[in-house]
C-alpha atoms as a PDB file:
ATOM      1  CA  MET A   1     108.993  51.651  50.233  1.00  0.00           C
ATOM      2  CA  LYS A   2     110.463  53.099  46.777  1.00  0.00           C
ATOM      3  CA  ILE A   3     112.702  55.885  47.784  1.00  0.00           C
ATOM      4  CA  GLU A   4     112.357  58.746  45.702  1.00  0.00           C
ATOM      5  CA  LYS A   5     112.766  61.970  47.277  1.00  0.00           C
ATOM      6  CA  ILE A   6     115.862  62.493  49.442  1.00  0.00           C
ATOM      7  CA  LEU A   7     116.721  65.615  51.709  1.00  0.00           C
ATOM      8  CA  VAL A   8     120.748  66.022  52.182  1.00  0.00           C
ATOM      9  CA  ALA A   9     121.411  68.361  55.235  1.00  0.00           C
ATOM     10  CA  GLU A  10     125.122  68.971  55.326  1.00  0.00           C
ATOM     11  CA  ASP A  11     127.160  71.928  56.454  1.00  0.00           C
ATOM     12  CA  ASP A  12     130.142  71.076  54.538  1.00  0.00           C
ATOM     13  CA  SER A  13     129.497  72.297  50.940  1.00  0.00           C
ATOM     14  CA  GLU A  14     132.021  70.034  49.441  1.00  0.00           C
ATOM     15  CA  VAL A  15     130.387  66.741  51.034  1.00  0.00           C
ATOM     16  CA  ARG A  16     126.906  67.992  50.244  1.00  0.00           C
ATOM     17  CA  TRP A  17     127.741  68.551  46.826  1.00  0.00           C
ATOM     18  CA  SER A  18     129.071  65.371  46.590  1.00  0.00           C
ATOM     19  CA  LEU A  19     126.225  63.479  47.799  1.00  0.00           C
ATOM     20  CA  VAL A  20     123.875  65.538  45.990  1.00  0.00           C
ATOM     21  CA  LYS A  21     125.595  64.991  42.660  1.00  0.00           C
ATOM     22  CA  PHE A  22     125.947  61.448  43.092  1.00  0.00           C
ATOM     23  CA  LEU A  23     122.335  60.588  44.142  1.00  0.00           C
ATOM     24  CA  LYS A  24     120.865  63.051  41.304  1.00  0.00           C
ATOM     25  CA  LYS A  25     123.013  60.674  39.055  1.00  0.00           C
ATOM     26  CA  GLU A  26     121.657  57.575  40.423  1.00  0.00           C
ATOM     27  CA  GLY A  27     117.979  58.878  39.590  1.00  0.00           C
ATOM     28  CA  PHE A  28     116.866  60.156  42.843  1.00  0.00           C
ATOM     29  CA  SER A  29     115.283  63.502  43.589  1.00  0.00           C
ATOM     30  CA  VAL A  30     117.324  65.322  45.666  1.00  0.00           C
ATOM     31  CA  SER A  31     116.772  68.421  47.878  1.00  0.00           C
ATOM     32  CA  GLU A  32     119.817  69.984  49.931  1.00  0.00           C
ATOM     33  CA  ALA A  33     120.102  72.034  53.327  1.00  0.00           C
ATOM     34  CA  LYS A  34     123.139  73.661  54.447  1.00  0.00           C
ATOM     35  CA  ASP A  35     122.216  72.988  58.051  1.00  0.00           C
ATOM     36  CA  GLY A  36     119.107  71.583  60.605  1.00  0.00           C
ATOM     37  CA  LEU A  37     117.394  75.029  60.241  1.00  0.00           C
ATOM     38  CA  GLU A  38     117.165  74.758  56.533  1.00  0.00           C
ATOM     39  CA  ALA A  39     116.151  71.143  56.557  1.00  0.00           C
ATOM     40  CA  SER A  40     113.220  72.007  58.767  1.00  0.00           C
ATOM     41  CA  ALA A  41     112.047  74.512  56.872  1.00  0.00           C
ATOM     42  CA  LEU A  42     111.798  72.073  53.531  1.00  0.00           C
ATOM     43  CA  LEU A  43     110.336  69.488  55.880  1.00  0.00           C
ATOM     44  CA  SER A  44     107.513  71.971  56.712  1.00  0.00           C
ATOM     45  CA  LYS A  45     106.854  72.442  52.781  1.00  0.00           C
ATOM     46  CA  GLU A  46     107.683  69.062  51.320  1.00  0.00           C
ATOM     47  CA  LYS A  47     107.627  64.980  52.327  1.00  0.00           C
ATOM     48  CA  PHE A  48     110.923  63.139  51.890  1.00  0.00           C
ATOM     49  CA  ASP A  49     111.284  59.290  51.896  1.00  0.00           C
ATOM     50  CA  LEU A  50     114.813  59.631  53.201  1.00  0.00           C
ATOM     51  CA  ILE A  51     116.821  62.360  54.990  1.00  0.00           C
ATOM     52  CA  ILE A  52     120.576  61.989  54.862  1.00  0.00           C
ATOM     53  CA  THR A  53     122.046  64.487  57.781  1.00  0.00           C
ATOM     54  CA  ASP A  54     125.222  65.303  59.331  1.00  0.00           C
ATOM     55  CA  LEU A  55     125.246  64.568  62.933  1.00  0.00           C
ATOM     56  CA  ASN A  56     126.972  67.845  64.067  1.00  0.00           C
ATOM     57  CA  MET A  57     125.906  70.955  62.226  1.00  0.00           C
ATOM     58  CA  PRO A  58     125.684  74.614  63.801  1.00  0.00           C
ATOM     59  CA  ASN A  59     122.434  76.093  65.130  1.00  0.00           C
ATOM     60  CA  PHE A  60     120.551  72.950  64.336  1.00  0.00           C
ATOM     61  CA  SER A  61     122.214  69.301  64.394  1.00  0.00           C
ATOM     62  CA  GLY A  62     121.183  66.299  62.776  1.00  0.00           C
ATOM     63  CA  GLU A  63     120.154  64.989  66.183  1.00  0.00           C
ATOM     64  CA  ASP A  64     117.806  68.103  66.804  1.00  0.00           C
ATOM     65  CA  LEU A  65     116.512  67.358  63.063  1.00  0.00           C
ATOM     66  CA  LEU A  66     115.692  63.871  64.205  1.00  0.00           C
ATOM     67  CA  LYS A  67     113.999  64.836  67.438  1.00  0.00           C
ATOM     68  CA  LEU A  68     111.900  67.378  65.315  1.00  0.00           C
ATOM     69  CA  CYS A  69     110.705  64.624  62.850  1.00  0.00           C
ATOM     70  CA  ASN A  70     109.546  62.241  65.654  1.00  0.00           C
ATOM     71  CA  LYS A  71     108.086  64.892  67.319  1.00  0.00           C
ATOM     72  CA  GLU A  72     106.209  65.811  64.275  1.00  0.00           C
ATOM     73  CA  ASN A  73     105.592  62.455  63.409  1.00  0.00           C
ATOM     74  CA  ILE A  74     107.384  63.088  60.189  1.00  0.00           C
ATOM     75  CA  ASN A  75     107.965  59.447  58.786  1.00  0.00           C
ATOM     76  CA  SER A  76     110.966  59.752  56.666  1.00  0.00           C
ATOM     77  CA  LYS A  77     113.651  57.335  57.066  1.00  0.00           C
ATOM     78  CA  PHE A  78     117.074  58.411  58.383  1.00  0.00           C
ATOM     79  CA  ILE A  79     120.880  58.034  57.776  1.00  0.00           C
ATOM     80  CA  ILE A  80     123.366  59.959  59.850  1.00  0.00           C
ATOM     81  CA  ILE A  81     126.768  60.754  58.742  1.00  0.00           C
ATOM     82  CA  THR A  82     129.188  62.059  61.060  1.00  0.00           C
ATOM     83  CA  ALA A  83     132.918  62.868  61.300  1.00  0.00           C
ATOM     84  CA  TYR A  84     132.643  62.692  65.016  1.00  0.00           C
ATOM     85  CA  GLY A  85     131.334  59.193  65.417  1.00  0.00           C
ATOM     86  CA  ASP A  86     131.615  57.283  68.781  1.00  0.00           C
ATOM     87  CA  CYS A  87     129.605  54.598  70.330  1.00  0.00           C
ATOM     88  CA  GLN A  88     127.473  57.054  72.792  1.00  0.00           C
ATOM     89  CA  SER A  89     126.268  59.021  69.968  1.00  0.00           C
ATOM     90  CA  PHE A  90     125.550  55.870  67.719  1.00  0.00           C
ATOM     91  CA  TRP A  91     123.497  54.060  70.143  1.00  0.00           C
ATOM     92  CA  LYS A  92     121.582  57.393  71.033  1.00  0.00           C
ATOM     93  CA  ALA A  93     120.804  57.772  67.195  1.00  0.00           C
ATOM     94  CA  MET A  94     119.850  54.090  66.830  1.00  0.00           C
ATOM     95  CA  LYS A  95     117.365  54.393  69.842  1.00  0.00           C
ATOM     96  CA  MET A  96     115.868  57.459  67.970  1.00  0.00           C
ATOM     97  CA  GLY A  97     115.257  55.554  65.063  1.00  0.00           C
ATOM     98  CA  VAL A  98     117.921  56.065  62.710  1.00  0.00           C
ATOM     99  CA  TYR A  99     118.297  53.395  60.037  1.00  0.00           C
ATOM    100  CA  GLU A 100     121.815  53.811  59.497  1.00  0.00           C
ATOM    101  CA  TYR A 101     124.972  55.786  60.967  1.00  0.00           C
ATOM    102  CA  LEU A 102     127.762  56.436  58.836  1.00  0.00           C
ATOM    103  CA  ASN A 103     131.252  57.570  59.650  1.00  0.00           C
ATOM    104  CA  LYS A 104     132.894  60.249  56.929  1.00  0.00           C
ATOM    105  CA  PRO A 105     134.136  59.998  54.481  1.00  0.00           C
ATOM    106  CA  VAL A 106     131.196  58.387  53.427  1.00  0.00           C
ATOM    107  CA  SER A 107     131.460  55.769  50.590  1.00  0.00           C
ATOM    108  CA  LEU A 108     129.104  56.503  47.972  1.00  0.00           C
ATOM    109  CA  ASP A 109     128.577  53.020  46.917  1.00  0.00           C
ATOM    110  CA  GLU A 110     127.901  52.025  50.316  1.00  0.00           C
ATOM    111  CA  LEU A 111     125.499  54.657  50.656  1.00  0.00           C
ATOM    112  CA  LEU A 112     123.693  53.457  47.243  1.00  0.00           C
ATOM    113  CA  SER A 113     123.655  49.701  48.825  1.00  0.00           C
ATOM    114  CA  LEU A 114     122.226  50.926  52.101  1.00  0.00           C
ATOM    115  CA  ILE A 115     119.218  52.903  50.226  1.00  0.00           C
ATOM    116  CA  LYS A 116     118.814  49.576  48.293  1.00  0.00           C
ATOM    117  CA  LYS A 117     118.590  47.602  51.284  1.00  0.00           C
ATOM    118  CA  LEU A 118     116.137  49.992  53.105  1.00  0.00           C
ATOM    119  CA  GLU A 119     113.926  49.802  50.098  1.00  0.00           C
ATOM    120  CA  GLU A 120     113.930  45.987  50.172  1.00  0.00           C
ATOM    121  CA  THR A 121     113.423  45.835  53.896  1.00  0.00           C
ATOM    122  CA  ASP A 122     110.534  48.315  53.653  1.00  0.00           C
ATOM    123  CA  ASN A 123     109.155  46.087  51.030  1.00  0.00           C
ATOM    124  CA  GLU A 124     109.372  42.907  52.921  1.00  0.00           C
ATOM    125  CA  ARG A 125     107.402  44.844  55.692  1.00  0.00           C
ATOM    126  CA  ASP A 126     104.515  45.668  53.222  1.00  0.00           C
END
């Protein structure tokens, strides 16, 4: 599967800005949301190949966003990013279908490598 459209949901504006700027520079079509509520509104209007979301956001967390996507059968891949990672939240996210779970600060090179790996893995399944 070719990753073309990415949604970045992150409440920290500086982190969100750097992710969006980097991903656009790499040629992806990127939309951004300041929290899970804004992200869910975008998901009701368009489809994304990949959602990169902070785990802990006010009002509607990354976990809430993942639950919504699972409930609504939205087939976007998920990468969770967090500054508050622990084993319990990692395993919970993985059981819910998250592709990868990254601790902040996120290495942009590692993120790009994960996206490419995701594309290759999905192509092997097809």
